Amino acid sequence: VQFVESGGGLVQPGESLRLSCAASRFTVSSYAMYWFRQAPGKERELVASISITGGTTYYADSVKGRFTISRDNAKNTVYLLMNTLKPEDTAVYYCNTTPWRPWGQGTQVTVSS
């Protein structure tokens, strides 16, 4: 199993990014999927999750109303749309499922003016 996260970058506060998580040797449609992030010096934290059908989602309070998780099972990909980004969103973002698979490299998101 391999997860490849992409779409990160350097943006200014208030801007948006869409992260992608492409999976190989793994069928995204068969599992709930999760986005995590890890900021420097902090533990990895759960940001959002989506059920197998996409009908149920969860968001951490810190991102609720700004981030949207979605999935495209045909593309075997999960997305995280991040709007109104804040400096405190700066972190490396990862995707995974349960039971946990090997972590990918993540994608760096930096929000700074």
N, C-alpha and C. Protein backbone atom coordinates (compact mmCIF):
# COMPACT_ATOMS: atom_id res chain seq x y z
N VAL A 1 0.85 -1.20 0.00
CA VAL A 1 0.00 0.00 0.00
C VAL A 1 0.88 1.24 0.00
N GLN A 2 0.53 2.21 -0.80
CA GLN A 2 1.26 3.47 -0.83
C GLN A 2 0.28 4.62 -1.01
N PHE A 3 0.42 5.61 -0.12
CA PHE A 3 -0.33 6.85 -0.25
C PHE A 3 0.61 7.94 -0.72
N VAL A 4 0.19 8.70 -1.71
CA VAL A 4 0.98 9.81 -2.21
C VAL A 4 0.14 11.07 -2.09
N GLU A 5 0.58 11.94 -1.18
CA GLU A 5 -0.12 13.20 -0.96
C GLU A 5 0.51 14.29 -1.81
N SER A 6 -0.31 15.19 -2.32
CA SER A 6 0.19 16.29 -3.15
C SER A 6 -0.75 17.48 -3.03
N GLY A 7 -0.31 18.60 -3.58
CA GLY A 7 -1.15 19.79 -3.63
C GLY A 7 -0.80 20.87 -2.62
N GLY A 8 0.17 20.58 -1.76
CA GLY A 8 0.58 21.58 -0.78
C GLY A 8 1.36 22.72 -1.41
N GLY A 9 1.69 23.68 -0.60
CA GLY A 9 2.46 24.81 -1.09
C GLY A 9 2.48 25.95 -0.09
N LEU A 10 3.01 27.07 -0.55
CA LEU A 10 3.09 28.28 0.26
C LEU A 10 1.98 29.23 -0.19
N VAL A 11 1.10 29.57 0.73
CA VAL A 11 0.01 30.47 0.41
C VAL A 11 -0.10 31.55 1.48
N GLN A 12 -0.83 32.60 1.16
CA GLN A 12 -1.07 33.67 2.12
C GLN A 12 -2.33 33.37 2.93
N PRO A 13 -2.43 33.94 4.11
CA PRO A 13 -3.66 33.76 4.90
C PRO A 13 -4.89 34.14 4.08
N GLY A 14 -5.93 33.33 4.21
CA GLY A 14 -7.17 33.57 3.49
C GLY A 14 -7.27 32.86 2.15
N GLU A 15 -6.16 32.35 1.66
CA GLU A 15 -6.18 31.65 0.38
C GLU A 15 -6.59 30.19 0.55
N SER A 16 -6.66 29.48 -0.58
CA SER A 16 -7.14 28.10 -0.56
C SER A 16 -6.13 27.16 -1.21
N LEU A 17 -6.24 25.90 -0.85
CA LEU A 17 -5.49 24.82 -1.46
C LEU A 17 -6.37 23.58 -1.52
N ARG A 18 -6.12 22.73 -2.49
CA ARG A 18 -6.77 21.43 -2.53
C ARG A 18 -5.71 20.34 -2.51
N LEU A 19 -5.71 19.55 -1.48
CA LEU A 19 -4.79 18.44 -1.35
C LEU A 19 -5.39 17.18 -1.97
N SER A 20 -4.52 16.35 -2.51
CA SER A 20 -4.94 15.07 -3.07
C SER A 20 -4.17 13.94 -2.40
N CYS A 21 -4.84 12.82 -2.26
CA CYS A 21 -4.21 11.61 -1.73
C CYS A 21 -4.50 10.49 -2.71
N ALA A 22 -3.49 10.11 -3.45
CA ALA A 22 -3.64 9.02 -4.42
C ALA A 22 -3.11 7.74 -3.79
N ALA A 23 -3.87 6.67 -3.97
CA ALA A 23 -3.49 5.40 -3.36
C ALA A 23 -3.12 4.38 -4.43
N SER A 24 -2.10 3.60 -4.13
CA SER A 24 -1.73 2.50 -5.02
C SER A 24 -1.71 1.21 -4.22
N ARG A 25 -2.03 0.13 -4.90
CA ARG A 25 -2.12 -1.19 -4.27
C ARG A 25 -3.10 -1.13 -3.11
N PHE A 26 -4.14 -0.34 -3.27
CA PHE A 26 -5.12 -0.12 -2.22
C PHE A 26 -6.38 0.43 -2.86
N THR A 27 -7.54 -0.08 -2.45
CA THR A 27 -8.80 0.37 -3.03
C THR A 27 -9.48 1.33 -2.06
N VAL A 28 -9.40 2.60 -2.38
CA VAL A 28 -9.94 3.64 -1.51
C VAL A 28 -11.41 3.43 -1.23
N SER A 29 -12.15 2.94 -2.20
CA SER A 29 -13.61 2.82 -2.08
C SER A 29 -14.03 1.84 -0.98
N SER A 30 -13.13 1.02 -0.51
CA SER A 30 -13.47 0.00 0.48
C SER A 30 -13.20 0.42 1.92
N TYR A 31 -12.72 1.65 2.10
CA TYR A 31 -12.30 2.08 3.43
C TYR A 31 -12.71 3.51 3.73
N ALA A 32 -12.95 3.76 5.03
CA ALA A 32 -13.02 5.15 5.47
C ALA A 32 -11.61 5.73 5.34
N MET A 33 -11.54 7.01 5.05
CA MET A 33 -10.24 7.65 4.83
C MET A 33 -10.10 8.86 5.74
N TYR A 34 -8.86 9.17 6.07
CA TYR A 34 -8.56 10.21 7.05
C TYR A 34 -7.47 11.13 6.52
N TRP A 35 -7.57 12.39 6.89
CA TRP A 35 -6.49 13.36 6.70
C TRP A 35 -5.96 13.76 8.07
N PHE A 36 -4.65 13.73 8.20
CA PHE A 36 -3.97 14.15 9.41
C PHE A 36 -3.01 15.29 9.06
N ARG A 37 -2.54 15.97 10.08
CA ARG A 37 -1.48 16.95 9.89
C ARG A 37 -0.56 16.94 11.09
N GLN A 38 0.67 17.34 10.83
CA GLN A 38 1.67 17.44 11.90
C GLN A 38 2.45 18.72 11.74
N ALA A 39 2.32 19.59 12.69
CA ALA A 39 3.06 20.84 12.70
C ALA A 39 4.38 20.63 13.42
N PRO A 40 5.37 21.47 13.14
CA PRO A 40 6.68 21.32 13.79
C PRO A 40 6.55 21.31 15.32
N GLY A 41 7.15 20.30 15.94
CA GLY A 41 7.15 20.21 17.39
C GLY A 41 5.86 19.74 18.01
N LYS A 42 4.90 19.35 17.17
CA LYS A 42 3.60 18.91 17.68
C LYS A 42 3.30 17.49 17.24
N GLU A 43 2.35 16.86 17.91
CA GLU A 43 1.95 15.51 17.53
C GLU A 43 1.04 15.56 16.30
N ARG A 44 1.00 14.44 15.61
CA ARG A 44 0.12 14.33 14.47
C ARG A 44 -1.33 14.37 14.97
N GLU A 45 -2.16 15.13 14.27
CA GLU A 45 -3.55 15.27 14.69
C GLU A 45 -4.49 14.97 13.54
N LEU A 46 -5.65 14.44 13.89
CA LEU A 46 -6.68 14.14 12.91
C LEU A 46 -7.36 15.44 12.48
N VAL A 47 -7.46 15.64 11.19
CA VAL A 47 -8.08 16.85 10.65
C VAL A 47 -9.50 16.56 10.15
N ALA A 48 -9.64 15.49 9.39
CA ALA A 48 -10.94 15.18 8.80
C ALA A 48 -11.00 13.70 8.43
N SER A 49 -12.22 13.19 8.33
CA SER A 49 -12.40 11.82 7.89
C SER A 49 -13.67 11.73 7.05
N ILE A 50 -13.74 10.67 6.24
CA ILE A 50 -14.90 10.46 5.39
C ILE A 50 -15.21 8.97 5.37
N SER A 51 -16.50 8.66 5.44
CA SER A 51 -16.92 7.26 5.46
C SER A 51 -16.78 6.64 4.07
N ILE A 52 -16.99 5.33 4.02
CA ILE A 52 -16.85 4.61 2.76
C ILE A 52 -17.78 5.18 1.69
N THR A 53 -18.98 5.48 2.05
CA THR A 53 -19.94 6.00 1.07
C THR A 53 -19.79 7.50 0.84
N GLY A 54 -19.05 8.15 1.73
CA GLY A 54 -18.94 9.60 1.64
C GLY A 54 -20.07 10.33 2.33
N GLY A 55 -20.99 9.57 2.90
CA GLY A 55 -22.16 10.19 3.50
C GLY A 55 -21.93 10.77 4.88
N THR A 56 -20.85 10.34 5.51
CA THR A 56 -20.53 10.83 6.86
C THR A 56 -19.12 11.39 6.86
N THR A 57 -19.00 12.59 7.38
CA THR A 57 -17.69 13.23 7.49
C THR A 57 -17.49 13.74 8.91
N TYR A 58 -16.23 13.90 9.25
CA TYR A 58 -15.85 14.45 10.55
C TYR A 58 -14.79 15.52 10.32
N TYR A 59 -14.85 16.59 11.11
CA TYR A 59 -13.85 17.64 11.03
C TYR A 59 -13.42 18.04 12.44
N ALA A 60 -12.15 18.27 12.60
CA ALA A 60 -11.67 18.84 13.85
C ALA A 60 -12.27 20.23 14.00
N ASP A 61 -12.48 20.63 15.23
CA ASP A 61 -13.10 21.94 15.48
C ASP A 61 -12.30 23.07 14.84
N SER A 62 -10.98 22.90 14.79
CA SER A 62 -10.12 23.97 14.28
C SER A 62 -10.29 24.20 12.78
N VAL A 63 -10.87 23.24 12.06
CA VAL A 63 -11.00 23.39 10.60
C VAL A 63 -12.45 23.36 10.14
N LYS A 64 -13.36 23.11 11.06
CA LYS A 64 -14.77 22.99 10.71
C LYS A 64 -15.27 24.28 10.04
N GLY A 65 -15.95 24.10 8.92
CA GLY A 65 -16.47 25.24 8.18
C GLY A 65 -15.49 25.79 7.16
N ARG A 66 -14.24 25.35 7.21
CA ARG A 66 -13.23 25.85 6.27
C ARG A 66 -12.71 24.74 5.36
N PHE A 67 -12.63 23.52 5.88
CA PHE A 67 -12.08 22.39 5.13
C PHE A 67 -13.22 21.46 4.70
N THR A 68 -13.03 20.83 3.54
CA THR A 68 -14.00 19.85 3.05
C THR A 68 -13.26 18.62 2.54
N ILE A 69 -13.59 17.48 3.09
CA ILE A 69 -13.01 16.21 2.63
C ILE A 69 -13.97 15.58 1.63
N SER A 70 -13.40 14.98 0.59
CA SER A 70 -14.22 14.30 -0.40
C SER A 70 -13.43 13.14 -0.98
N ARG A 71 -14.13 12.30 -1.72
CA ARG A 71 -13.46 11.16 -2.32
C ARG A 71 -13.98 10.94 -3.73
N ASP A 72 -13.09 10.49 -4.61
CA ASP A 72 -13.45 10.08 -5.96
C ASP A 72 -13.00 8.64 -6.10
N ASN A 73 -13.91 7.73 -5.86
CA ASN A 73 -13.53 6.31 -5.87
C ASN A 73 -13.08 5.84 -7.25
N ALA A 74 -13.60 6.44 -8.28
CA ALA A 74 -13.19 6.06 -9.63
C ALA A 74 -11.72 6.39 -9.88
N LYS A 75 -11.25 7.46 -9.23
CA LYS A 75 -9.85 7.86 -9.38
C LYS A 75 -8.99 7.33 -8.23
N ASN A 76 -9.64 6.59 -7.30
CA ASN A 76 -8.91 6.04 -6.16
C ASN A 76 -8.17 7.14 -5.40
N THR A 77 -8.84 8.26 -5.22
CA THR A 77 -8.22 9.45 -4.65
C THR A 77 -9.15 10.10 -3.62
N VAL A 78 -8.53 10.65 -2.60
CA VAL A 78 -9.24 11.42 -1.58
C VAL A 78 -8.71 12.85 -1.61
N TYR A 79 -9.58 13.81 -1.37
CA TYR A 79 -9.21 15.22 -1.45
C TYR A 79 -9.47 15.93 -0.13
N LEU A 80 -8.75 17.02 0.07
CA LEU A 80 -9.02 17.92 1.18
C LEU A 80 -8.97 19.34 0.63
N LEU A 81 -10.14 19.95 0.51
CA LEU A 81 -10.21 21.34 0.08
C LEU A 81 -10.10 22.21 1.31
N MET A 82 -9.13 23.09 1.29
CA MET A 82 -8.87 23.95 2.45
C MET A 82 -9.07 25.41 2.05
N ASN A 83 -10.07 26.02 2.62
CA ASN A 83 -10.37 27.43 2.36
C ASN A 83 -10.01 28.29 3.56
N THR A 84 -9.90 29.56 3.32
CA THR A 84 -9.62 30.53 4.38
C THR A 84 -8.48 30.04 5.28
N LEU A 85 -7.39 29.72 4.65
CA LEU A 85 -6.26 29.17 5.40
C LEU A 85 -5.69 30.17 6.38
N LYS A 86 -5.22 29.65 7.51
CA LYS A 86 -4.64 30.46 8.58
C LYS A 86 -3.21 30.00 8.83
N PRO A 87 -2.38 30.86 9.40
CA PRO A 87 -1.01 30.45 9.71
C PRO A 87 -0.95 29.18 10.58
N GLU A 88 -1.92 28.99 11.45
CA GLU A 88 -1.92 27.80 12.31
C GLU A 88 -2.26 26.52 11.56
N ASP A 89 -2.62 26.63 10.28
CA ASP A 89 -2.83 25.44 9.45
C ASP A 89 -1.51 24.92 8.88
N THR A 90 -0.44 25.66 9.08
CA THR A 90 0.86 25.24 8.58
C THR A 90 1.26 23.90 9.19
N ALA A 91 1.53 22.93 8.33
CA ALA A 91 1.85 21.57 8.78
C ALA A 91 2.14 20.71 7.56
N VAL A 92 2.62 19.50 7.83
CA VAL A 92 2.67 18.48 6.79
C VAL A 92 1.39 17.68 6.90
N TYR A 93 0.72 17.50 5.78
CA TYR A 93 -0.57 16.82 5.74
C TYR A 93 -0.40 15.41 5.16
N TYR A 94 -1.06 14.46 5.82
CA TYR A 94 -0.99 13.05 5.45
C TYR A 94 -2.39 12.45 5.34
N CYS A 95 -2.51 11.41 4.53
CA CYS A 95 -3.76 10.65 4.52
C CYS A 95 -3.46 9.22 4.97
N ASN A 96 -4.49 8.55 5.43
CA ASN A 96 -4.35 7.16 5.85
C ASN A 96 -5.73 6.57 6.03
N THR A 97 -5.77 5.31 6.44
CA THR A 97 -7.02 4.62 6.70
C THR A 97 -6.84 3.78 7.95
N THR A 98 -7.85 3.04 8.34
CA THR A 98 -7.73 2.13 9.47
C THR A 98 -8.07 0.72 9.01
N PRO A 99 -7.35 -0.30 9.48
CA PRO A 99 -6.13 -0.18 10.29
C PRO A 99 -5.04 0.58 9.54
N TRP A 100 -4.19 1.23 10.31
CA TRP A 100 -3.19 2.12 9.70
C TRP A 100 -2.32 1.37 8.72
N ARG A 101 -2.06 2.05 7.60
CA ARG A 101 -1.09 1.60 6.60
C ARG A 101 0.17 2.43 6.73
N PRO A 102 1.23 2.07 6.00
CA PRO A 102 2.45 2.89 6.05
C PRO A 102 2.15 4.33 5.65
N TRP A 103 2.73 5.27 6.39
CA TRP A 103 2.50 6.68 6.11
C TRP A 103 3.26 7.10 4.85
N GLY A 104 2.65 7.97 4.07
CA GLY A 104 3.32 8.53 2.91
C GLY A 104 4.25 9.66 3.32
N GLN A 105 4.78 10.35 2.33
CA GLN A 105 5.70 11.45 2.60
C GLN A 105 4.98 12.71 3.09
N GLY A 106 3.70 12.77 2.81
CA GLY A 106 2.96 13.96 3.19
C GLY A 106 3.20 15.09 2.21
N THR A 107 2.42 16.15 2.38
CA THR A 107 2.59 17.34 1.56
C THR A 107 2.60 18.56 2.47
N GLN A 108 3.58 19.41 2.27
CA GLN A 108 3.79 20.57 3.14
C GLN A 108 2.84 21.70 2.77
N VAL A 109 2.15 22.20 3.77
CA VAL A 109 1.30 23.38 3.62
C VAL A 109 1.87 24.47 4.52
N THR A 110 2.19 25.59 3.93
CA THR A 110 2.71 26.72 4.69
C THR A 110 1.85 27.94 4.41
N VAL A 111 1.31 28.50 5.48
CA VAL A 111 0.45 29.67 5.36
C VAL A 111 1.16 30.84 6.02
N SER A 112 1.57 31.79 5.22
CA SER A 112 2.35 32.90 5.74
C SER A 112 2.22 34.11 4.84
N SER A 113 2.23 35.27 5.45
CA SER A 113 2.19 36.50 4.67
C SER A 113 3.61 37.01 4.43
